Protein backbone atom coordinates (compact mmCIF):
# COMPACT_ATOMS: atom_id res chain seq x y z
CA MET A 1 -41.87 -47.92 38.58
CA LYS A 2 -42.86 -44.40 39.61
CA ARG A 3 -39.27 -43.19 39.13
CA ILE A 4 -39.14 -44.66 35.62
CA TRP A 5 -42.40 -42.95 34.73
CA LEU A 6 -41.12 -39.59 35.98
CA PHE A 7 -37.88 -40.02 34.00
CA LEU A 8 -39.85 -40.72 30.80
CA VAL A 9 -42.02 -37.65 31.38
CA LEU A 10 -38.87 -35.55 31.79
CA ILE A 11 -37.38 -36.88 28.55
CA VAL A 12 -40.59 -36.14 26.64
CA ALA A 13 -40.68 -32.61 28.06
CA LEU A 14 -37.08 -31.95 26.99
CA LEU A 15 -37.73 -33.25 23.49
CA ALA A 16 -40.86 -31.15 23.20
CA GLY A 17 -38.96 -28.10 24.36
CA GLY A 18 -36.31 -28.70 21.70
CA CYS A 19 -38.95 -28.63 19.00
CA VAL A 20 -40.19 -25.20 20.04
CA LYS A 21 -38.95 -22.58 17.61
CA GLN A 22 -36.50 -20.16 19.21
CA VAL A 23 -37.51 -16.50 19.28
CA ALA A 24 -35.42 -14.48 16.81
CA ARG A 25 -33.05 -12.05 18.45
CA CYS A 26 -33.26 -9.48 15.64
CA THR A 27 -36.71 -8.75 14.16
CA ALA A 28 -36.53 -5.28 12.59
CA PRO A 29 -36.41 -5.30 8.74
CA GLU A 30 -32.81 -4.10 8.50
CA ASP A 31 -31.63 -5.76 11.71
CA ASN A 32 -30.47 -8.95 10.03
CA PRO A 33 -27.10 -10.70 9.49
CA ALA A 34 -26.78 -9.96 5.78
CA HIS A 35 -27.45 -6.25 6.25
CA HIS A 36 -24.95 -5.90 9.11
CA TYR A 37 -22.34 -7.89 7.17
CA LEU A 38 -22.73 -5.57 4.16
CA ARG A 39 -22.39 -2.49 6.34
CA GLY A 40 -19.36 -4.02 8.04
CA MET A 41 -17.63 -4.68 4.73
CA GLU A 42 -18.38 -1.14 3.57
CA ALA A 43 -16.90 0.17 6.82
CA LEU A 44 -13.72 -1.84 6.12
CA GLU A 45 -13.58 -0.24 2.68
CA SER A 46 -13.66 3.19 4.35
CA GLY A 47 -10.98 2.25 6.88
CA LYS A 48 -13.46 2.26 9.81
CA ILE A 49 -12.20 -0.90 11.49
CA ASP A 50 -13.99 -0.46 14.83
CA LEU A 51 -17.33 0.18 13.13
CA ALA A 52 -16.77 -2.89 10.94
CA GLN A 53 -16.18 -5.06 14.00
CA GLU A 54 -19.33 -3.69 15.61
CA LYS A 55 -21.37 -4.60 12.52
CA PHE A 56 -19.93 -8.12 12.28
CA ASP A 57 -20.60 -8.66 15.99
CA ARG A 58 -24.21 -7.60 15.46
CA ALA A 59 -24.55 -9.95 12.48
CA LEU A 60 -23.37 -12.84 14.65
CA TYR A 61 -25.67 -11.78 17.48
CA CYS A 62 -28.59 -12.02 15.07
CA GLU A 63 -27.39 -15.41 13.78
CA GLU A 64 -24.69 -17.27 15.67
CA ASN A 65 -23.82 -19.55 12.74
CA PHE A 66 -23.55 -16.79 10.12
CA SER A 67 -20.26 -17.82 8.49
CA ALA A 68 -19.57 -14.57 6.61
CA GLY A 69 -19.65 -12.67 9.91
CA TYR A 70 -16.64 -14.61 11.13
CA GLY A 71 -14.90 -13.99 7.79
CA GLY A 72 -15.40 -10.27 8.32
CA LYS A 73 -14.01 -10.49 11.86
CA ALA A 74 -10.96 -12.32 10.49
CA ILE A 75 -10.23 -9.38 8.18
CA VAL A 76 -10.71 -6.93 11.07
CA ALA A 77 -8.27 -8.87 13.26
CA ALA A 78 -5.72 -8.99 10.43
CA LEU A 79 -5.93 -5.22 9.93
CA LYS A 80 -5.54 -4.63 13.66
CA ALA A 81 -2.43 -6.82 13.62
CA LYS A 82 -1.01 -4.81 10.73
CA GLY A 83 -1.72 -1.52 12.45
CA THR A 84 0.36 -2.18 15.56
CA ALA A 85 4.08 -2.18 16.23
CA ASP A 86 3.60 -4.21 19.42
CA ALA A 87 4.75 -7.75 18.60
CA GLY A 88 2.72 -9.31 21.40
CA TYR A 89 -0.52 -7.57 20.42
CA ARG A 90 0.10 -8.39 16.79
CA ALA A 91 0.53 -12.10 17.57
CA ILE A 92 -2.78 -12.10 19.46
CA GLU A 93 -4.66 -10.50 16.57
CA VAL A 94 -3.06 -12.82 14.00
CA ALA A 95 -4.17 -15.81 16.10
CA ARG A 96 -7.69 -14.36 16.24
CA ALA A 97 -7.75 -13.90 12.48
CA GLU A 98 -6.84 -17.55 11.97
CA GLU A 99 -9.40 -18.66 14.57
CA TYR A 100 -12.17 -16.69 12.85
CA LEU A 101 -11.19 -18.12 9.46
CA GLU A 102 -11.42 -21.62 10.90
CA LYS A 103 -14.89 -20.86 12.28
CA THR A 104 -15.94 -19.49 8.91
CA LYS A 105 -14.78 -22.67 7.20
CA LYS A 106 -16.65 -24.95 9.62
CA LEU A 107 -19.93 -23.06 9.10
CA ILE A 108 -19.88 -23.22 5.28
CA GLU A 109 -23.19 -24.49 3.88
CA THR A 110 -23.47 -23.04 0.37
CA ASP A 111 -21.18 -22.16 -2.52
CA ASN A 112 -21.73 -18.50 -1.67
CA ASP A 113 -20.47 -19.20 1.86
CA ARG A 114 -17.46 -20.96 0.34
CA PHE A 115 -16.82 -17.98 -1.97
CA GLU A 116 -16.87 -15.48 0.91
CA TYR A 117 -14.63 -17.73 3.00
CA GLN A 118 -11.98 -17.94 0.25
CA LEU A 119 -12.16 -14.16 -0.26
CA ALA A 120 -11.56 -13.70 3.46
CA VAL A 121 -8.49 -15.95 3.23
CA LEU A 122 -7.31 -14.04 0.16
CA ARG A 123 -7.64 -10.75 2.01
CA VAL A 124 -6.13 -11.89 5.31
CA ALA A 125 -3.03 -13.58 3.85
CA PRO A 126 -1.32 -10.42 2.44
CA VAL A 127 -2.05 -8.49 5.63
CA VAL A 128 -0.71 -10.89 8.25
CA LYS A 129 1.96 -12.32 5.91
CA GLY A 130 3.58 -15.34 7.55
CA LYS A 131 5.19 -18.34 5.87
CA ASP A 132 4.26 -18.83 2.18
CA TRP A 133 1.52 -16.20 2.47
CA LEU A 134 1.48 -15.50 -1.28
CA ASP A 135 1.07 -19.20 -2.04
CA ARG A 136 -1.85 -19.23 0.38
CA ALA A 137 -3.46 -16.27 -1.38
CA GLU A 138 -3.02 -17.92 -4.78
CA ALA A 139 -4.58 -21.14 -3.47
CA ALA A 140 -7.61 -19.18 -2.24
CA TYR A 141 -7.91 -17.48 -5.63
CA ARG A 142 -7.81 -20.83 -7.46
CA ALA A 143 -10.41 -22.20 -5.03
CA VAL A 144 -12.74 -19.33 -5.93
CA GLN A 145 -12.37 -20.08 -9.63
CA SER A 146 -13.32 -23.72 -9.03
CA ILE A 147 -16.64 -22.84 -7.36
CA GLU A 148 -19.30 -23.48 -10.00
CA LYS A 149 -22.62 -22.48 -8.39
CA VAL A 150 -22.02 -19.02 -6.97
CA ASP A 151 -25.25 -17.00 -6.99
CA GLU A 152 -23.87 -13.55 -7.75
CA ARG A 153 -27.28 -11.98 -7.11
CA ARG A 154 -26.87 -12.86 -3.43
CA LEU A 155 -23.30 -11.59 -3.12
CA ASP A 156 -24.44 -8.29 -1.65
CA TYR A 157 -20.92 -6.96 -1.12
CA TYR A 158 -18.60 -8.74 -3.56
CA GLN A 159 -21.23 -8.92 -6.33
CA GLY A 160 -19.18 -11.12 -8.66
CA LYS A 161 -16.18 -13.40 -9.11
CA GLU A 162 -14.15 -10.51 -10.51
CA ALA A 163 -13.70 -9.39 -6.90
CA ALA A 164 -11.31 -12.32 -6.45
CA ALA A 165 -9.14 -11.10 -9.35
CA TYR A 166 -9.04 -7.61 -7.83
CA PHE A 167 -7.93 -8.83 -4.39
CA MET A 168 -5.43 -11.22 -5.96
CA GLY A 169 -4.01 -8.19 -7.75
CA LEU A 170 -3.66 -6.41 -4.41
CA ALA A 171 -1.91 -9.48 -2.99
CA TYR A 172 0.56 -9.54 -5.88
CA LEU A 173 1.16 -5.81 -5.38
CA GLU A 174 1.87 -6.44 -1.70
CA GLY A 175 4.29 -9.19 -2.75
CA TYR A 176 6.01 -6.88 -5.29
CA GLN A 177 4.91 -9.13 -8.18
CA PHE A 178 4.08 -6.09 -10.26
CA ARG A 179 3.45 -7.67 -13.67
CA LYS A 180 1.19 -10.32 -12.15
CA ALA A 181 -0.68 -7.58 -10.26
CA GLU A 182 -1.11 -5.62 -13.48
CA ASP A 183 -2.57 -8.71 -15.18
CA LYS A 184 -5.08 -9.32 -12.36
CA PHE A 185 -6.31 -5.73 -12.36
CA ARG A 186 -6.74 -5.94 -16.13
CA GLU A 187 -8.62 -9.21 -15.67
CA THR A 188 -10.97 -7.45 -13.27
CA LEU A 189 -11.60 -4.68 -15.77
CA ASP A 190 -12.20 -7.16 -18.60
CA SER A 191 -14.70 -9.27 -16.65
CA ARG A 192 -17.60 -6.83 -16.94
CA LYS A 193 -17.96 -3.31 -18.27
CA MET A 194 -19.69 -1.78 -15.26
CA GLY A 195 -19.20 -3.28 -11.83
CA LYS A 196 -18.34 -2.47 -8.24
CA TRP A 197 -14.65 -3.31 -8.70
CA ASN A 198 -14.04 -1.49 -11.99
CA GLU A 199 -13.12 1.86 -10.50
CA PRO A 200 -10.69 0.59 -7.82
CA ALA A 201 -9.22 -1.91 -10.30
CA ASP A 202 -8.68 0.85 -12.88
CA LYS A 203 -6.91 3.01 -10.31
CA ALA A 204 -4.75 0.09 -9.15
CA TRP A 205 -4.00 -0.94 -12.76
CA LYS A 206 -2.78 2.57 -13.66
CA LYS A 207 -0.60 2.69 -10.55
CA THR A 208 0.87 -0.76 -11.21
CA SER A 209 1.44 -0.01 -14.90
CA LYS A 210 3.41 3.07 -13.89
CA ILE A 211 5.54 0.94 -11.55
CA VAL A 212 6.16 -1.65 -14.30
CA ARG A 213 7.18 1.13 -16.68
CA ALA A 214 9.46 2.71 -14.07
CA MET A 215 11.24 -0.57 -13.44
CA GLY A 216 11.59 -1.59 -17.06
CA GLY A 217 15.14 -2.69 -17.83
CA ILE A 218 16.53 -2.16 -14.32
CA THR A 219 16.98 -4.30 -11.26
CA VAL A 220 15.44 -2.78 -8.16
CA GLY A 221 16.30 -4.08 -4.70
CA ASP A 222 14.00 -4.58 -1.75
CA VAL A 223 14.18 -0.93 -0.71
CA GLY A 224 13.17 0.21 -4.19
CA LYS A 225 10.26 -2.26 -4.36
CA LYS A 226 8.89 -1.12 -1.02
CA ILE A 227 9.07 2.52 -2.08
CA ALA A 228 7.62 1.80 -5.54
CA VAL A 229 4.17 0.98 -4.15
CA LYS A 230 3.96 4.14 -2.02
CA ASP A 231 1.50 6.88 -2.93
CA THR A 232 3.85 9.48 -1.46
CA VAL A 233 7.63 9.46 -1.11
CA SER A 234 9.28 10.88 2.00
CA ARG A 235 12.67 12.60 2.29
CA GLY A 236 14.00 9.40 3.85
CA ASP A 237 12.61 7.31 0.98
CA LEU A 238 14.15 9.51 -1.71
CA THR A 239 17.48 9.47 0.10
CA ALA A 240 17.37 5.66 0.23
CA LEU A 241 16.63 5.47 -3.51
CA LEU A 242 19.55 7.76 -4.35
CA VAL A 243 21.99 5.87 -2.14
CA ASP A 244 20.81 2.25 -2.37
CA GLU A 245 19.41 2.15 -5.91
CA MET A 246 21.40 4.81 -7.76
CA MET A 247 24.61 4.10 -5.82
CA ILE A 248 25.18 7.82 -5.58
CA ASP A 249 28.03 7.51 -3.06
CA LYS A 250 30.06 5.46 -5.54
CA LEU A 251 29.23 7.83 -8.40
CA PHE A 252 30.19 10.93 -6.43
CA ALA A 253 33.34 9.26 -5.09
CA GLY A 254 34.46 8.60 -8.66
CA ARG A 255 34.61 12.39 -9.18
CA ILE A 256 37.09 12.88 -6.29
CA PRO A 257 40.64 12.25 -7.58
CA VAL A 258 42.40 12.55 -4.22
CA LYS A 259 41.67 9.51 -2.09
CA SER A 260 42.76 11.15 1.17
CA GLN A 261 40.28 13.94 0.55
CA LEU A 262 37.54 11.34 -0.01
CA ALA A 263 38.37 9.52 3.22
CA ALA A 264 38.05 12.73 5.20
CA MET A 265 34.55 13.47 3.94
CA LYS A 266 31.69 12.76 6.34
CA ALA A 267 28.42 14.26 7.55
CA GLU A 268 28.96 17.17 9.95
CA PHE A 269 26.50 15.68 12.44
CA THR A 270 23.62 13.18 12.71
CA PRO A 271 20.28 14.94 13.29
CA ALA A 272 18.45 13.80 16.44
CA ASP A 273 15.43 12.54 14.49
CA LEU A 274 17.64 10.03 12.64
CA LEU A 275 19.17 8.22 15.61
CA SER A 276 16.80 5.24 15.32
CA HIS A 277 15.63 5.72 11.73
CA PRO A 278 16.12 2.79 9.31
CA PHE A 279 17.64 5.12 6.68
CA ARG A 280 20.08 6.83 9.04
CA ASP A 281 23.18 5.65 7.14
CA GLU A 282 21.72 6.69 3.78
CA VAL A 283 20.89 10.16 5.09
CA ASN A 284 24.37 10.55 6.54
CA THR A 285 25.77 9.67 3.12
CA ILE A 286 23.61 12.30 1.41
CA MET A 287 24.56 14.89 4.02
CA LYS A 288 28.24 14.07 3.42
CA TRP A 289 27.82 15.11 -0.22
CA LYS A 290 25.69 18.18 0.68
CA VAL A 291 22.97 17.47 -1.88
CA ARG A 292 20.93 20.63 -2.24
CA GLY A 293 17.34 20.16 -1.10
CA LEU A 294 18.22 17.31 1.26
CA GLU A 295 19.90 19.34 3.96
CA PRO A 296 18.74 19.37 7.61
CA LYS A 297 16.03 21.93 8.40
CA PHE A 298 15.87 24.20 11.43
CA ASP A 299 12.96 23.15 13.64
CA GLN A 300 11.40 25.98 15.65
CA THR A 301 9.93 23.65 18.28
CA THR A 302 13.15 21.86 19.23
CA LYS A 303 15.45 24.75 18.22
CA ALA A 304 17.62 22.20 16.43
CA TYR A 305 18.46 21.16 12.89
CA LEU A 306 16.48 18.03 11.98
CA PHE A 307 16.34 16.03 8.76
CA LYS A 308 12.60 15.33 9.00
CA PRO A 309 12.81 12.02 7.10
CA GLU A 310 9.02 11.50 7.11
CA ASP A 311 8.20 14.79 5.35
CA LYS A 312 6.68 14.26 1.90
CA VAL A 313 8.76 15.24 -1.13
CA LEU A 314 6.94 17.51 -3.58
CA ARG A 315 7.59 17.32 -7.32
CA GLY A 316 9.21 20.74 -7.40
CA GLU A 317 11.50 19.73 -4.55
CA MET A 318 12.51 16.53 -6.29
CA ALA A 319 13.38 18.47 -9.46
CA PHE A 320 15.56 20.73 -7.30
CA ILE A 321 17.29 17.74 -5.67
CA LEU A 322 17.90 15.82 -8.90
CA GLU A 323 19.21 18.96 -10.61
CA ASP A 324 21.91 19.24 -7.94
CA VAL A 325 22.79 15.56 -8.36
CA LEU A 326 23.11 16.15 -12.11
CA ILE A 327 25.36 19.18 -11.55
CA LYS A 328 27.62 17.31 -9.15
CA LEU A 329 27.94 14.27 -11.40
CA THR A 330 28.58 16.19 -14.63
CA GLY A 331 30.61 19.00 -13.14
CA ASP A 332 28.63 21.43 -15.32
CA GLU A 333 27.85 24.44 -13.11
CA LYS A 334 26.04 26.21 -15.97
CA ILE A 335 23.09 23.85 -15.43
CA ALA A 336 22.25 25.77 -12.23
CA THR A 337 21.45 28.99 -14.18
CA ALA A 338 20.60 27.64 -17.63
CA TYR A 339 17.01 28.97 -17.66
CA PHE A 340 17.46 32.18 -15.70
CA GLY A 341 15.93 35.25 -17.36
CA GLN A 342 13.30 33.47 -19.43
CA GLU A 343 10.14 35.54 -19.82
CA ARG A 344 7.58 32.77 -20.36
CA SER A 345 7.14 29.40 -18.67
CA PRO A 346 5.76 26.38 -20.56
CA PHE A 347 4.03 25.34 -17.32
CA PRO A 348 1.11 27.47 -16.11
CA ASP A 349 1.70 26.42 -12.49
CA VAL A 350 5.46 27.20 -12.44
CA LYS A 351 6.35 30.86 -12.88
CA THR A 352 9.74 31.88 -14.26
CA THR A 353 10.38 33.60 -10.91
CA SER A 354 9.79 30.39 -8.95
CA PRO A 355 12.86 29.02 -7.12
CA TYR A 356 12.05 25.69 -8.73
CA TYR A 357 11.73 26.96 -12.30
CA ASN A 358 15.31 26.31 -13.43
CA ALA A 359 15.29 22.82 -11.90
CA VAL A 360 11.90 21.95 -13.42
CA MET A 361 13.13 23.04 -16.86
CA ASN A 362 16.36 21.07 -16.50
CA MET A 363 14.49 17.93 -15.52
CA THR A 364 11.73 18.15 -18.16
CA SER A 365 13.97 19.25 -21.03
CA ARG A 366 16.15 16.18 -20.42
CA GLY A 367 13.19 13.82 -20.01
CA ILE A 368 14.07 13.02 -16.42
CA MET A 369 10.69 14.21 -15.16
CA GLU A 370 7.45 14.80 -17.03
CA GLY A 371 4.65 17.32 -16.96
CA GLU A 372 0.97 16.44 -17.21
CA LEU A 373 -1.13 16.22 -20.36
CA SER A 374 -2.98 19.25 -19.02
CA GLY A 375 0.26 21.22 -19.37
CA GLU A 376 0.91 21.59 -15.66
CA PHE A 377 3.98 20.27 -13.87
CA ARG A 378 2.20 19.79 -10.50
CA PHE A 379 5.25 21.18 -8.71
CA ASN A 380 3.41 21.46 -5.38
CA GLU A 381 2.04 17.89 -5.31
CA PRO A 382 3.71 14.87 -3.65
CA VAL A 383 5.89 12.49 -5.63
CA ASP A 384 4.74 8.86 -5.65
CA GLY A 385 7.04 5.85 -5.58
CA ALA A 386 6.80 5.00 -9.27
CA GLU A 387 7.51 8.61 -10.29
CA ALA A 388 10.58 8.73 -8.07
CA ILE A 389 12.01 5.47 -9.43
CA LEU A 390 11.30 6.46 -13.04
CA ALA A 391 12.99 9.84 -12.56
CA ILE A 392 16.07 8.26 -11.00
CA ARG A 393 16.19 5.67 -13.78
CA MET A 394 16.08 8.44 -16.43
CA LEU A 395 18.72 10.43 -14.53
CA GLN A 396 21.01 7.39 -14.59
CA GLN A 397 20.58 7.13 -18.34
CA LYS A 398 21.41 10.81 -18.87
CA ILE A 399 24.52 10.57 -16.70
CA ASN A 400 25.78 7.70 -18.84
CA ILE A 401 25.48 9.97 -21.90
CA TYR A 402 27.84 12.61 -20.46
């Protein structure tokens, strides 16, 4: 009887202890889950992945069942997976991203939680890719649209449903669905006049519109699509566009009447920095034809001639390169000196004495490249992917005229 009584006392004590309110871990005004989550998302926006993880960890320390904190950690893990070339490490981070998404889903209590979970899925899918990743992103976007009771006043970071359209646009851009991306960025801009996502959506819309314009009426392969979304084009990229998209080897070969002479043509050597480069064959093809502006460069450090495929191509350099392609394809050597001796330049940033002046004039006068509305050519600024594809497309059209 005594043992039973002691057992009952123990049960009562445990139940009473369970009713005692737990002491909060975080008590300072700004030391709360929502604040740390917001700071973590802002850190992601600035590319500060480690800081973001620290903030999400703190949010979850303050509240273990804070679902959005796990959604943030899922995005962090996805970005870490994207940023590594180590297949094993990448697989670990991808698995973590999926685990955190699953935890986020299990902790959903409100429509706002559901909204932030679907946005996390929408952001993770294009980063980690995987099977049917674009379908997964589209499903998350549709799920967001079906949520009826989102309290936008409590969406401290995303602020409104238009955020889903913006990130869906980024997903389409990652999947090279350029027209769909353009539509989603426009949808973001149309949703409200002044909002958090207007400025990035406007920038993305202008970039995507340029890509759509550049690709109008032509079929671009996988290499071209990957380069199209780049903010800067490298020497390797431009070489790949000329060889894989413009088929420059075939065009140049058509100008060589003696087949034995053609068979004997090859690059003099393969630069050491190209031995494991994905565009090695394309560069060797360009070197075979000795395209001016795409020759190997002498490197003072290694005391060797290197191609430097990762160096950015400036607009003046691209004009110089495309001018030489035009000369070789038309056989018109006069193009190389057509604008020598001019006293006044139409571009304030390109003097008539500049080594790029003749090339810039040849490209702009033929509509192959364009200046800015300000009047400048921006000869010393990098070429982006859309500009490069548009210029090559226009060059193709001009060659067909000759």
